[in-house]
Amino acid sequence: MEATESVTVYRQALKRLPYNWQKILVMRGEDEMSYTEIAQILGTTESSVRGTISKAKKKILELIKQEL
């Protein structure tokens, strides 16, 4: 799979996640924010941010596997 195809598949899977999961993944991955920064912006804990990222990544992998 080419890089552009991979990005497209990832973005399609990302759009299928709950909005707050999408936002956290973008903040962490694309915006390169720390767990602390994300937690402060969202008014939550680092632990909650880490848990959400973990769940979101697992779900994205499931969605991508369904596409392949």
N, C-alpha and C. Protein backbone atom coordinates (compact mmCIF):
# COMPACT_ATOMS: atom_id res chain seq x y z
N MET A 1 0.85 -1.18 0.00
CA MET A 1 0.00 0.00 0.00
C MET A 1 0.90 1.24 0.00
N GLU A 2 0.58 2.18 -0.87
CA GLU A 2 1.39 3.39 -0.94
C GLU A 2 1.05 4.33 0.21
N ALA A 3 1.95 5.25 0.47
CA ALA A 3 1.78 6.18 1.58
C ALA A 3 0.49 6.98 1.46
N THR A 4 0.19 7.46 0.28
CA THR A 4 -1.03 8.27 0.11
C THR A 4 -2.28 7.44 0.34
N GLU A 5 -2.24 6.18 -0.08
CA GLU A 5 -3.37 5.28 0.18
C GLU A 5 -3.51 5.03 1.67
N SER A 6 -2.40 4.85 2.34
CA SER A 6 -2.42 4.62 3.79
C SER A 6 -3.02 5.80 4.52
N VAL A 7 -2.63 6.99 4.12
CA VAL A 7 -3.16 8.20 4.75
C VAL A 7 -4.66 8.30 4.51
N THR A 8 -5.09 8.00 3.31
CA THR A 8 -6.51 8.05 2.97
C THR A 8 -7.31 7.06 3.81
N VAL A 9 -6.82 5.84 3.92
CA VAL A 9 -7.50 4.81 4.72
C VAL A 9 -7.54 5.24 6.19
N TYR A 10 -6.42 5.77 6.69
CA TYR A 10 -6.37 6.24 8.08
C TYR A 10 -7.39 7.35 8.31
N ARG A 11 -7.42 8.32 7.42
CA ARG A 11 -8.35 9.46 7.58
C ARG A 11 -9.81 9.01 7.52
N GLN A 12 -10.10 8.05 6.67
CA GLN A 12 -11.46 7.52 6.60
C GLN A 12 -11.84 6.83 7.91
N ALA A 13 -10.91 6.06 8.45
CA ALA A 13 -11.16 5.39 9.73
C ALA A 13 -11.30 6.41 10.85
N LEU A 14 -10.46 7.44 10.84
CA LEU A 14 -10.51 8.49 11.85
C LEU A 14 -11.88 9.16 11.88
N LYS A 15 -12.44 9.41 10.71
CA LYS A 15 -13.74 10.07 10.61
C LYS A 15 -14.87 9.23 11.21
N ARG A 16 -14.66 7.94 11.34
CA ARG A 16 -15.69 7.05 11.89
C ARG A 16 -15.64 6.94 13.40
N LEU A 17 -14.64 7.55 14.01
CA LEU A 17 -14.52 7.55 15.47
C LEU A 17 -15.38 8.64 16.08
N PRO A 18 -15.72 8.51 17.37
CA PRO A 18 -16.41 9.61 18.05
C PRO A 18 -15.56 10.89 17.95
N TYR A 19 -16.24 12.03 17.87
CA TYR A 19 -15.54 13.31 17.65
C TYR A 19 -14.44 13.55 18.67
N ASN A 20 -14.71 13.30 19.96
CA ASN A 20 -13.68 13.58 20.98
C ASN A 20 -12.46 12.69 20.80
N TRP A 21 -12.64 11.47 20.32
CA TRP A 21 -11.49 10.60 20.04
C TRP A 21 -10.70 11.16 18.88
N GLN A 22 -11.41 11.60 17.84
CA GLN A 22 -10.74 12.20 16.68
C GLN A 22 -9.88 13.38 17.12
N LYS A 23 -10.48 14.26 17.89
CA LYS A 23 -9.80 15.49 18.32
C LYS A 23 -8.54 15.15 19.11
N ILE A 24 -8.63 14.21 20.03
CA ILE A 24 -7.47 13.85 20.84
C ILE A 24 -6.37 13.25 19.98
N LEU A 25 -6.71 12.38 19.05
CA LEU A 25 -5.69 11.79 18.17
C LEU A 25 -5.01 12.86 17.32
N VAL A 26 -5.78 13.80 16.82
CA VAL A 26 -5.21 14.89 16.01
C VAL A 26 -4.31 15.76 16.88
N MET A 27 -4.76 16.09 18.07
CA MET A 27 -3.96 16.92 18.97
C MET A 27 -2.62 16.24 19.28
N ARG A 28 -2.67 14.95 19.50
CA ARG A 28 -1.46 14.21 19.85
C ARG A 28 -0.57 13.96 18.63
N GLY A 29 -1.17 13.50 17.53
CA GLY A 29 -0.39 13.11 16.36
C GLY A 29 0.02 14.25 15.45
N GLU A 30 -0.95 15.01 15.00
CA GLU A 30 -0.67 16.06 14.03
C GLU A 30 -0.18 17.35 14.69
N ASP A 31 -0.80 17.70 15.81
CA ASP A 31 -0.42 18.93 16.50
C ASP A 31 0.76 18.72 17.45
N GLU A 32 1.14 17.46 17.66
CA GLU A 32 2.27 17.06 18.50
C GLU A 32 2.19 17.64 19.92
N MET A 33 0.99 17.62 20.48
CA MET A 33 0.80 18.11 21.85
C MET A 33 1.12 16.99 22.83
N SER A 34 1.55 17.37 24.01
CA SER A 34 1.82 16.40 25.07
C SER A 34 0.51 15.96 25.71
N TYR A 35 0.57 14.87 26.45
CA TYR A 35 -0.61 14.40 27.18
C TYR A 35 -1.07 15.47 28.17
N THR A 36 -0.12 16.15 28.79
CA THR A 36 -0.43 17.20 29.75
C THR A 36 -1.17 18.35 29.08
N GLU A 37 -0.69 18.77 27.93
CA GLU A 37 -1.33 19.88 27.21
C GLU A 37 -2.76 19.52 26.80
N ILE A 38 -2.92 18.31 26.28
CA ILE A 38 -4.25 17.86 25.86
C ILE A 38 -5.19 17.82 27.06
N ALA A 39 -4.72 17.26 28.15
CA ALA A 39 -5.54 17.16 29.36
C ALA A 39 -5.96 18.54 29.86
N GLN A 40 -5.04 19.48 29.85
CA GLN A 40 -5.36 20.84 30.30
C GLN A 40 -6.41 21.49 29.40
N ILE A 41 -6.25 21.34 28.10
CA ILE A 41 -7.21 21.94 27.16
C ILE A 41 -8.60 21.34 27.33
N LEU A 42 -8.65 20.03 27.52
CA LEU A 42 -9.93 19.34 27.62
C LEU A 42 -10.50 19.31 29.04
N GLY A 43 -9.71 19.77 30.00
CA GLY A 43 -10.18 19.77 31.38
C GLY A 43 -10.32 18.37 31.97
N THR A 44 -9.37 17.52 31.64
CA THR A 44 -9.39 16.14 32.11
C THR A 44 -8.01 15.76 32.62
N THR A 45 -7.79 14.49 32.86
CA THR A 45 -6.50 14.03 33.37
C THR A 45 -5.66 13.42 32.25
N GLU A 46 -4.34 13.36 32.49
CA GLU A 46 -3.44 12.71 31.54
C GLU A 46 -3.83 11.25 31.37
N SER A 47 -4.21 10.61 32.46
CA SER A 47 -4.60 9.20 32.42
C SER A 47 -5.80 8.99 31.50
N SER A 48 -6.75 9.90 31.57
CA SER A 48 -7.92 9.82 30.71
C SER A 48 -7.53 10.00 29.25
N VAL A 49 -6.64 10.93 28.98
CA VAL A 49 -6.17 11.17 27.61
C VAL A 49 -5.46 9.92 27.09
N ARG A 50 -4.59 9.35 27.90
CA ARG A 50 -3.87 8.14 27.48
C ARG A 50 -4.83 6.99 27.19
N GLY A 51 -5.83 6.83 28.05
CA GLY A 51 -6.83 5.77 27.86
C GLY A 51 -7.63 5.96 26.59
N THR A 52 -8.02 7.19 26.34
CA THR A 52 -8.79 7.50 25.12
C THR A 52 -7.96 7.24 23.88
N ILE A 53 -6.70 7.64 23.91
CA ILE A 53 -5.82 7.40 22.76
C ILE A 53 -5.65 5.91 22.52
N SER A 54 -5.50 5.15 23.57
CA SER A 54 -5.35 3.70 23.44
C SER A 54 -6.60 3.08 22.80
N LYS A 55 -7.77 3.45 23.30
CA LYS A 55 -9.02 2.92 22.75
C LYS A 55 -9.19 3.35 21.29
N ALA A 56 -8.87 4.60 21.00
CA ALA A 56 -9.03 5.12 19.64
C ALA A 56 -8.11 4.40 18.67
N LYS A 57 -6.87 4.16 19.07
CA LYS A 57 -5.92 3.46 18.20
C LYS A 57 -6.39 2.03 17.92
N LYS A 58 -6.90 1.35 18.94
CA LYS A 58 -7.39 -0.02 18.74
C LYS A 58 -8.57 -0.03 17.77
N LYS A 59 -9.46 0.94 17.93
CA LYS A 59 -10.63 1.02 17.05
C LYS A 59 -10.21 1.34 15.62
N ILE A 60 -9.26 2.24 15.46
CA ILE A 60 -8.78 2.57 14.11
C ILE A 60 -8.19 1.33 13.44
N LEU A 61 -7.41 0.56 14.18
CA LEU A 61 -6.85 -0.68 13.61
C LEU A 61 -7.95 -1.63 13.17
N GLU A 62 -9.00 -1.76 13.97
CA GLU A 62 -10.13 -2.61 13.60
C GLU A 62 -10.77 -2.12 12.31
N LEU A 63 -11.01 -0.81 12.24
CA LEU A 63 -11.65 -0.23 11.06
C LEU A 63 -10.78 -0.39 9.81
N ILE A 64 -9.48 -0.21 9.95
CA ILE A 64 -8.57 -0.36 8.81
C ILE A 64 -8.56 -1.81 8.34
N LYS A 65 -8.54 -2.76 9.27
CA LYS A 65 -8.55 -4.18 8.88
C LYS A 65 -9.82 -4.52 8.12
N GLN A 66 -10.94 -3.89 8.48
CA GLN A 66 -12.19 -4.12 7.76
C GLN A 66 -12.11 -3.60 6.33
N GLU A 67 -11.35 -2.54 6.13
CA GLU A 67 -11.21 -1.94 4.79
C GLU A 67 -10.32 -2.77 3.88
N LEU A 68 -9.38 -3.53 4.45
CA LEU A 68 -8.41 -4.27 3.63
C LEU A 68 -8.95 -5.59 3.17
